[in-house]
């Protein structure tokens, strides 16, 4: 089985849709995806993800099932520096790297900041959601692997958001999402690919083949959007906060 986790195009958050650049990205993404055999589409209920998927769905004559848990990960925490609420994947490197528990796949959510923000409740919602989809497609969670009840080569596409993508990947691969949130960057319309590995009959593990691929943009000379990145050097005028 193959999973395609796709981030929405360059966003206009003020209207929960896409910028003009985001629409170009979504069109180029649709050209790439329409050449593939995709057996099932799942989609976030948020507008920017739905508007991204629409190009592909119309081109392929398909429909997507809306999954509420695929919305952007929503579990605000308090920023120790400002005292204000902030999304949990926007901590400064000096903050999160100083806390060893953030590297622990089973302990990151017990850090006081995360516990007070009730992050585990939202994470469990995502974990249950992806496990539910996988069970429908023949793979049932068993410990840290999956029981291959109905092994198959189906391809399933999920149109969603960066924050929730990292929570899914953390669950599938056994990695703290804090490390993924802060150490990885999935540009708009990027495609992350996981494939089951069944080296012993009945037991499957999802292996990451590609993370955040934007080849469909580069192939048409479209530079990936800057969204999800921060300044490369401090003296630049790129995003700092």
C-alpha atoms as a PDB file:
ATOM      1  CA  UNK A   1       0.000   0.000   0.000  1.00  0.00           C
ATOM      2  CA  UNK A   2       1.155   3.495  -0.763  1.00  0.00           C
ATOM      3  CA  UNK A   3       0.288   6.721   1.055  1.00  0.00           C
ATOM      4  CA  UNK A   4       0.599  10.149  -0.567  1.00  0.00           C
ATOM      5  CA  UNK A   5       0.480  12.961   1.997  1.00  0.00           C
ATOM      6  CA  UNK A   6       0.055  16.253   0.138  1.00  0.00           C
ATOM      7  CA  UNK A   7       0.287  19.733   1.586  1.00  0.00           C
ATOM      8  CA  UNK A   8      -2.021  22.440   0.246  1.00  0.00           C
ATOM      9  CA  UNK A   9      -0.778  25.111  -2.143  1.00  0.00           C
ATOM     10  CA  UNK A  10       0.619  28.528  -1.203  1.00  0.00           C
ATOM     11  CA  UNK A  11      -2.030  29.763   1.240  1.00  0.00           C
ATOM     12  CA  UNK A  12      -3.968  32.933   1.740  1.00  0.00           C
ATOM     13  CA  UNK A  13      -4.831  32.333   5.387  1.00  0.00           C
ATOM     14  CA  UNK A  14      -7.047  35.431   5.573  1.00  0.00           C
ATOM     15  CA  UNK A  15      -9.662  33.723   3.378  1.00  0.00           C
ATOM     16  CA  UNK A  16      -8.583  30.103   3.945  1.00  0.00           C
ATOM     17  CA  UNK A  17      -7.849  29.595   0.257  1.00  0.00           C
ATOM     18  CA  UNK A  18      -4.924  29.886  -2.152  1.00  0.00           C
ATOM     19  CA  UNK A  19      -2.908  32.757  -3.502  1.00  0.00           C
ATOM     20  CA  UNK A  20      -2.526  33.143  -7.252  1.00  0.00           C
ATOM     21  CA  UNK A  21       0.787  31.301  -6.894  1.00  0.00           C
ATOM     22  CA  UNK A  22      -0.960  28.585  -4.901  1.00  0.00           C
ATOM     23  CA  UNK A  23      -3.413  28.042  -7.735  1.00  0.00           C
ATOM     24  CA  UNK A  24      -0.550  27.662 -10.208  1.00  0.00           C
ATOM     25  CA  UNK A  25       1.081  25.156  -7.860  1.00  0.00           C
ATOM     26  CA  UNK A  26      -2.170  23.199  -7.527  1.00  0.00           C
ATOM     27  CA  UNK A  27      -2.535  23.021 -11.300  1.00  0.00           C
ATOM     28  CA  UNK A  28       1.010  21.697 -11.736  1.00  0.00           C
ATOM     29  CA  UNK A  29       0.405  19.204  -8.930  1.00  0.00           C
ATOM     30  CA  UNK A  30      -2.732  17.971 -10.694  1.00  0.00           C
ATOM     31  CA  UNK A  31      -0.742  17.253 -13.857  1.00  0.00           C
ATOM     32  CA  UNK A  32       1.605  15.078 -11.806  1.00  0.00           C
ATOM     33  CA  UNK A  33      -1.070  13.240  -9.830  1.00  0.00           C
ATOM     34  CA  UNK A  34      -3.417  12.663 -12.753  1.00  0.00           C
ATOM     35  CA  UNK A  35      -0.784  10.426 -14.327  1.00  0.00           C
ATOM     36  CA  UNK A  36      -0.943   8.114 -11.322  1.00  0.00           C
ATOM     37  CA  UNK A  37      -3.433   5.419 -10.367  1.00  0.00           C
ATOM     38  CA  UNK A  38      -4.885   6.710  -7.109  1.00  0.00           C
ATOM     39  CA  UNK A  39      -7.519   4.489  -5.559  1.00  0.00           C
ATOM     40  CA  UNK A  40      -8.909   6.778  -2.868  1.00  0.00           C
ATOM     41  CA  UNK A  41      -8.747  10.459  -1.933  1.00  0.00           C
ATOM     42  CA  UNK A  42      -9.172  11.901   1.556  1.00  0.00           C
ATOM     43  CA  UNK A  43      -9.239  15.618   2.234  1.00  0.00           C
ATOM     44  CA  UNK A  44      -9.144  18.178   5.037  1.00  0.00           C
ATOM     45  CA  UNK A  45     -12.319  20.224   5.579  1.00  0.00           C
ATOM     46  CA  UNK A  46     -10.345  23.490   5.331  1.00  0.00           C
ATOM     47  CA  UNK A  47     -10.640  25.605   2.207  1.00  0.00           C
ATOM     48  CA  UNK A  48      -6.965  25.793   1.246  1.00  0.00           C
ATOM     49  CA  UNK A  49      -6.679  21.998   1.139  1.00  0.00           C
ATOM     50  CA  UNK A  50      -9.978  21.579  -0.687  1.00  0.00           C
ATOM     51  CA  UNK A  51      -9.071  24.236  -3.245  1.00  0.00           C
ATOM     52  CA  UNK A  52      -5.748  22.480  -3.851  1.00  0.00           C
ATOM     53  CA  UNK A  53      -7.347  19.077  -4.308  1.00  0.00           C
ATOM     54  CA  UNK A  54     -10.053  20.382  -6.617  1.00  0.00           C
ATOM     55  CA  UNK A  55      -7.643  20.693  -9.558  1.00  0.00           C
ATOM     56  CA  UNK A  56      -6.655  17.036  -9.301  1.00  0.00           C
ATOM     57  CA  UNK A  57     -10.139  15.711  -8.570  1.00  0.00           C
ATOM     58  CA  UNK A  58     -11.670  17.519 -11.544  1.00  0.00           C
ATOM     59  CA  UNK A  59      -8.891  16.407 -13.849  1.00  0.00           C
ATOM     60  CA  UNK A  60      -9.288  12.762 -12.773  1.00  0.00           C
ATOM     61  CA  UNK A  61     -13.069  12.798 -12.445  1.00  0.00           C
ATOM     62  CA  UNK A  62     -12.864  11.669  -8.814  1.00  0.00           C
ATOM     63  CA  UNK A  63     -14.319  12.657  -5.464  1.00  0.00           C
ATOM     64  CA  UNK A  64     -12.658  12.894  -2.063  1.00  0.00           C
ATOM     65  CA  UNK A  65     -13.938  11.926   1.363  1.00  0.00           C
ATOM     66  CA  UNK A  66     -13.720  14.772   3.873  1.00  0.00           C
ATOM     67  CA  UNK A  67     -12.074  13.769   7.157  1.00  0.00           C
ATOM     68  CA  UNK A  68     -12.428  16.380   9.946  1.00  0.00           C
ATOM     69  CA  UNK A  69      -9.246  15.181  11.694  1.00  0.00           C
ATOM     70  CA  UNK A  70      -7.181  16.078   8.596  1.00  0.00           C
ATOM     71  CA  UNK A  71      -7.671  19.786   9.340  1.00  0.00           C
ATOM     72  CA  UNK A  72      -4.557  21.644  10.423  1.00  0.00           C
ATOM     73  CA  UNK A  73      -3.333  20.460  13.830  1.00  0.00           C
ATOM     74  CA  UNK A  74      -5.057  22.685  16.374  1.00  0.00           C
ATOM     75  CA  UNK A  75      -3.619  22.577  19.890  1.00  0.00           C
ATOM     76  CA  UNK A  76      -2.286  26.024  20.870  1.00  0.00           C
ATOM     77  CA  UNK A  77       0.324  26.277  23.623  1.00  0.00           C
ATOM     78  CA  UNK A  78       1.641  29.211  25.630  1.00  0.00           C
ATOM     79  CA  UNK A  79       4.860  30.786  24.406  1.00  0.00           C
ATOM     80  CA  UNK A  80       7.172  31.106  27.429  1.00  0.00           C
ATOM     81  CA  UNK A  81       8.768  34.246  25.975  1.00  0.00           C
ATOM     82  CA  UNK A  82       5.602  36.221  25.218  1.00  0.00           C
ATOM     83  CA  UNK A  83       2.913  34.574  27.358  1.00  0.00           C
ATOM     84  CA  UNK A  84       0.697  34.382  24.280  1.00  0.00           C
ATOM     85  CA  UNK A  85      -0.847  31.356  22.565  1.00  0.00           C
ATOM     86  CA  UNK A  86       1.109  29.891  19.692  1.00  0.00           C
ATOM     87  CA  UNK A  87       0.984  26.810  17.515  1.00  0.00           C
ATOM     88  CA  UNK A  88       3.235  24.076  18.963  1.00  0.00           C
ATOM     89  CA  UNK A  89       5.504  23.840  15.909  1.00  0.00           C
ATOM     90  CA  UNK A  90       6.719  27.419  15.996  1.00  0.00           C
ATOM     91  CA  UNK A  91       9.135  27.259  18.914  1.00  0.00           C
ATOM     92  CA  UNK A  92      12.582  28.768  18.588  1.00  0.00           C
ATOM     93  CA  UNK A  93      15.393  26.206  18.216  1.00  0.00           C
ATOM     94  CA  UNK A  94      17.008  27.291  21.490  1.00  0.00           C
ATOM     95  CA  UNK A  95      13.701  26.566  23.264  1.00  0.00           C
ATOM     96  CA  UNK A  96      12.781  23.102  22.142  1.00  0.00           C
ATOM     97  CA  UNK A  97      16.267  21.621  21.662  1.00  0.00           C
ATOM     98  CA  UNK A  98      17.049  22.349  25.323  1.00  0.00           C
ATOM     99  CA  UNK A  99      14.314  19.930  26.449  1.00  0.00           C
ATOM    100  CA  UNK A 100      15.384  16.265  25.979  1.00  0.00           C
ATOM    101  CA  UNK A 101      11.791  15.019  26.289  1.00  0.00           C
ATOM    102  CA  UNK A 102      10.883  16.720  23.024  1.00  0.00           C
ATOM    103  CA  UNK A 103      13.034  14.133  21.234  1.00  0.00           C
ATOM    104  CA  UNK A 104      11.155  11.259  22.900  1.00  0.00           C
ATOM    105  CA  UNK A 105       8.344   9.792  20.809  1.00  0.00           C
ATOM    106  CA  UNK A 106       6.545   8.720  23.993  1.00  0.00           C
ATOM    107  CA  UNK A 107       7.408  11.702  26.177  1.00  0.00           C
ATOM    108  CA  UNK A 108       7.147  14.869  24.091  1.00  0.00           C
ATOM    109  CA  UNK A 109       3.505  15.447  25.015  1.00  0.00           C
ATOM    110  CA  UNK A 110       4.241  15.220  28.744  1.00  0.00           C
ATOM    111  CA  UNK A 111       6.399  18.358  28.760  1.00  0.00           C
ATOM    112  CA  UNK A 112       4.447  20.886  30.856  1.00  0.00           C
ATOM    113  CA  UNK A 113       3.939  23.273  27.975  1.00  0.00           C
ATOM    114  CA  UNK A 114       2.400  20.543  25.831  1.00  0.00           C
ATOM    115  CA  UNK A 115       0.410  18.990  28.685  1.00  0.00           C
ATOM    116  CA  UNK A 116      -1.148  22.316  29.644  1.00  0.00           C
ATOM    117  CA  UNK A 117      -2.065  22.878  26.008  1.00  0.00           C
ATOM    118  CA  UNK A 118      -3.799  19.470  25.908  1.00  0.00           C
ATOM    119  CA  UNK A 119      -1.805  18.592  22.808  1.00  0.00           C
ATOM    120  CA  UNK A 120      -2.106  14.849  23.418  1.00  0.00           C
ATOM    121  CA  UNK A 121      -5.877  14.952  22.925  1.00  0.00           C
ATOM    122  CA  UNK A 122      -5.495  16.448  19.465  1.00  0.00           C
ATOM    123  CA  UNK A 123      -2.613  14.124  18.616  1.00  0.00           C
ATOM    124  CA  UNK A 124      -4.669  11.084  19.623  1.00  0.00           C
ATOM    125  CA  UNK A 125      -7.429  12.321  17.344  1.00  0.00           C
ATOM    126  CA  UNK A 126      -4.993  12.318  14.425  1.00  0.00           C
ATOM    127  CA  UNK A 127      -3.495   8.938  15.343  1.00  0.00           C
ATOM    128  CA  UNK A 128      -6.948   7.377  15.552  1.00  0.00           C
ATOM    129  CA  UNK A 129      -7.863   9.006  12.257  1.00  0.00           C
ATOM    130  CA  UNK A 130      -4.945   7.667  10.225  1.00  0.00           C
ATOM    131  CA  UNK A 131      -5.236   4.240  11.855  1.00  0.00           C
ATOM    132  CA  UNK A 132      -8.916   4.215  10.953  1.00  0.00           C
ATOM    133  CA  UNK A 133      -8.169   4.900   7.294  1.00  0.00           C
ATOM    134  CA  UNK A 134      -5.452   2.249   7.211  1.00  0.00           C
ATOM    135  CA  UNK A 135      -7.788  -0.307   8.781  1.00  0.00           C
ATOM    136  CA  UNK A 136     -10.357   0.375   6.061  1.00  0.00           C
ATOM    137  CA  UNK A 137      -7.641  -0.311   3.499  1.00  0.00           C
ATOM    138  CA  UNK A 138      -6.497  -3.556   5.086  1.00  0.00           C
ATOM    139  CA  UNK A 139      -3.834  -2.580   7.642  1.00  0.00           C
ATOM    140  CA  UNK A 140      -4.608  -2.705  11.370  1.00  0.00           C
ATOM    141  CA  UNK A 141      -2.357  -1.167  14.014  1.00  0.00           C
ATOM    142  CA  UNK A 142      -0.579  -3.765  16.130  1.00  0.00           C
ATOM    143  CA  UNK A 143       2.046  -2.321  18.483  1.00  0.00           C
ATOM    144  CA  UNK A 144       4.325  -0.097  16.431  1.00  0.00           C
ATOM    145  CA  UNK A 145       3.667  -1.998  13.189  1.00  0.00           C
ATOM    146  CA  UNK A 146       0.554  -2.932  11.241  1.00  0.00           C
ATOM    147  CA  UNK A 147      -1.098  -6.286  10.722  1.00  0.00           C
ATOM    148  CA  UNK A 148      -1.565  -6.845   6.997  1.00  0.00           C
ATOM    149  CA  UNK A 149      -5.120  -8.158   7.055  1.00  0.00           C
ATOM    150  CA  UNK A 150      -5.638  -7.536   3.348  1.00  0.00           C
ATOM    151  CA  UNK A 151      -2.225  -6.780   1.802  1.00  0.00           C
ATOM    152  CA  UNK A 152      -2.549  -4.643  -1.319  1.00  0.00           C
ATOM    153  CA  UNK A 153      -0.867  -2.156  -3.633  1.00  0.00           C
ATOM    154  CA  UNK A 154      -3.552   0.518  -3.410  1.00  0.00           C
ATOM    155  CA  UNK A 155      -2.521   4.169  -3.507  1.00  0.00           C
ATOM    156  CA  UNK A 156      -4.278   6.527  -1.108  1.00  0.00           C
ATOM    157  CA  UNK A 157      -3.903  10.327  -1.277  1.00  0.00           C
ATOM    158  CA  UNK A 158      -4.466  12.673   1.660  1.00  0.00           C
ATOM    159  CA  UNK A 159      -4.677  16.434   1.045  1.00  0.00           C
ATOM    160  CA  UNK A 160      -3.920  18.222   4.287  1.00  0.00           C
ATOM    161  CA  UNK A 161      -1.494  20.542   6.141  1.00  0.00           C
ATOM    162  CA  UNK A 162       2.087  20.595   7.394  1.00  0.00           C
ATOM    163  CA  UNK A 163       1.365  20.382  11.122  1.00  0.00           C
ATOM    164  CA  UNK A 164      -0.983  17.419  10.901  1.00  0.00           C
ATOM    165  CA  UNK A 165       1.279  15.720   8.349  1.00  0.00           C
ATOM    166  CA  UNK A 166       4.106  15.627  10.891  1.00  0.00           C
ATOM    167  CA  UNK A 167       1.821  14.171  13.561  1.00  0.00           C
ATOM    168  CA  UNK A 168       0.837  11.383  11.165  1.00  0.00           C
ATOM    169  CA  UNK A 169       4.451  10.709  10.195  1.00  0.00           C
ATOM    170  CA  UNK A 170       5.501  10.622  13.831  1.00  0.00           C
ATOM    171  CA  UNK A 171       2.867   7.978  14.519  1.00  0.00           C
ATOM    172  CA  UNK A 172       3.700   5.872  11.467  1.00  0.00           C
ATOM    173  CA  UNK A 173       7.480   6.025  11.885  1.00  0.00           C
ATOM    174  CA  UNK A 174       7.907   6.243  15.660  1.00  0.00           C
ATOM    175  CA  UNK A 175       9.375   9.758  15.736  1.00  0.00           C
ATOM    176  CA  UNK A 176       8.500  12.690  17.978  1.00  0.00           C
ATOM    177  CA  UNK A 177       6.499  15.173  15.880  1.00  0.00           C
ATOM    178  CA  UNK A 178       8.372  18.008  17.587  1.00  0.00           C
ATOM    179  CA  UNK A 179      11.496  16.887  15.732  1.00  0.00           C
ATOM    180  CA  UNK A 180       9.553  16.675  12.479  1.00  0.00           C
ATOM    181  CA  UNK A 181       7.785  20.016  12.981  1.00  0.00           C
ATOM    182  CA  UNK A 182      11.043  21.865  13.553  1.00  0.00           C
ATOM    183  CA  UNK A 183      13.569  19.857  11.572  1.00  0.00           C
ATOM    184  CA  UNK A 184      11.630  19.172   8.372  1.00  0.00           C
ATOM    185  CA  UNK A 185       9.952  21.494   5.900  1.00  0.00           C
ATOM    186  CA  UNK A 186       7.169  20.484   3.502  1.00  0.00           C
ATOM    187  CA  UNK A 187       6.650  23.263   0.959  1.00  0.00           C
ATOM    188  CA  UNK A 188       3.184  23.979  -0.476  1.00  0.00           C
ATOM    189  CA  UNK A 189       1.898  21.181  -2.772  1.00  0.00           C
ATOM    190  CA  UNK A 190       4.810  18.983  -1.742  1.00  0.00           C
ATOM    191  CA  UNK A 191       4.220  15.238  -1.882  1.00  0.00           C
ATOM    192  CA  UNK A 192       5.382  12.827   0.812  1.00  0.00           C
ATOM    193  CA  UNK A 193       5.300   9.132  -0.103  1.00  0.00           C
ATOM    194  CA  UNK A 194       5.226   6.111   2.207  1.00  0.00           C
ATOM    195  CA  UNK A 195       5.025   2.491   1.123  1.00  0.00           C
ATOM    196  CA  UNK A 196       4.349  -0.592   3.192  1.00  0.00           C
ATOM    197  CA  UNK A 197       7.228  -2.989   3.744  1.00  0.00           C
ATOM    198  CA  UNK A 198       6.071  -6.559   4.453  1.00  0.00           C
ATOM    199  CA  UNK A 199       9.226  -8.605   5.003  1.00  0.00           C
ATOM    200  CA  UNK A 200       7.349 -11.184   7.041  1.00  0.00           C
ATOM    201  CA  UNK A 201       3.876 -12.350   6.058  1.00  0.00           C
ATOM    202  CA  UNK A 202       1.189 -10.468   7.925  1.00  0.00           C
ATOM    203  CA  UNK A 203       3.387  -7.719   9.389  1.00  0.00           C
ATOM    204  CA  UNK A 204       3.785  -4.365   7.670  1.00  0.00           C
ATOM    205  CA  UNK A 205       5.669  -1.158   8.426  1.00  0.00           C
ATOM    206  CA  UNK A 206       5.343   2.138   6.569  1.00  0.00           C
ATOM    207  CA  UNK A 207       8.645   3.235   5.106  1.00  0.00           C
ATOM    208  CA  UNK A 208       9.233   6.830   3.981  1.00  0.00           C
ATOM    209  CA  UNK A 209      10.264   6.900   0.317  1.00  0.00           C
ATOM    210  CA  UNK A 210      10.066  10.634  -0.328  1.00  0.00           C
ATOM    211  CA  UNK A 211       9.493  13.636   1.911  1.00  0.00           C
ATOM    212  CA  UNK A 212       8.190  16.968   0.670  1.00  0.00           C
ATOM    213  CA  UNK A 213       8.892  16.418  -3.013  1.00  0.00           C
ATOM    214  CA  UNK A 214       8.202  19.439  -5.248  1.00  0.00           C
ATOM    215  CA  UNK A 215       9.539  18.021  -8.493  1.00  0.00           C
ATOM    216  CA  UNK A 216       6.316  18.932 -10.299  1.00  0.00           C
ATOM    217  CA  UNK A 217       7.071  22.602  -9.613  1.00  0.00           C
ATOM    218  CA  UNK A 218      10.727  22.561 -10.622  1.00  0.00           C
ATOM    219  CA  UNK A 219       9.855  20.644 -13.804  1.00  0.00           C
ATOM    220  CA  UNK A 220       7.805  23.655 -14.920  1.00  0.00           C
ATOM    221  CA  UNK A 221      10.208  26.315 -13.577  1.00  0.00           C
ATOM    222  CA  UNK A 222       7.879  27.242 -10.709  1.00  0.00           C
ATOM    223  CA  UNK A 223       9.869  28.067  -7.582  1.00  0.00           C
ATOM    224  CA  UNK A 224       8.332  26.488  -4.445  1.00  0.00           C
ATOM    225  CA  UNK A 225       6.585  28.953  -2.149  1.00  0.00           C
ATOM    226  CA  UNK A 226       8.418  30.133   0.961  1.00  0.00           C
ATOM    227  CA  UNK A 227       5.561  29.144   3.312  1.00  0.00           C
ATOM    228  CA  UNK A 228       6.744  26.885   6.205  1.00  0.00           C
ATOM    229  CA  UNK A 229      10.286  28.248   6.060  1.00  0.00           C
ATOM    230  CA  UNK A 230      12.119  30.839   8.132  1.00  0.00           C
ATOM    231  CA  UNK A 231      15.057  33.114   7.392  1.00  0.00           C
ATOM    232  CA  UNK A 232      18.143  31.342   6.081  1.00  0.00           C
ATOM    233  CA  UNK A 233      20.427  33.945   7.674  1.00  0.00           C
ATOM    234  CA  UNK A 234      19.574  36.398  10.431  1.00  0.00           C
ATOM    235  CA  UNK A 235      20.518  39.448   8.358  1.00  0.00           C
ATOM    236  CA  UNK A 236      18.003  38.617   5.627  1.00  0.00           C
ATOM    237  CA  UNK A 237      14.540  40.158   5.265  1.00  0.00           C
ATOM    238  CA  UNK A 238      12.935  36.717   5.235  1.00  0.00           C
ATOM    239  CA  UNK A 239      10.521  35.545   7.914  1.00  0.00           C
ATOM    240  CA  UNK A 240      11.954  35.609  11.468  1.00  0.00           C
ATOM    241  CA  UNK A 241       8.805  34.975  13.580  1.00  0.00           C
END
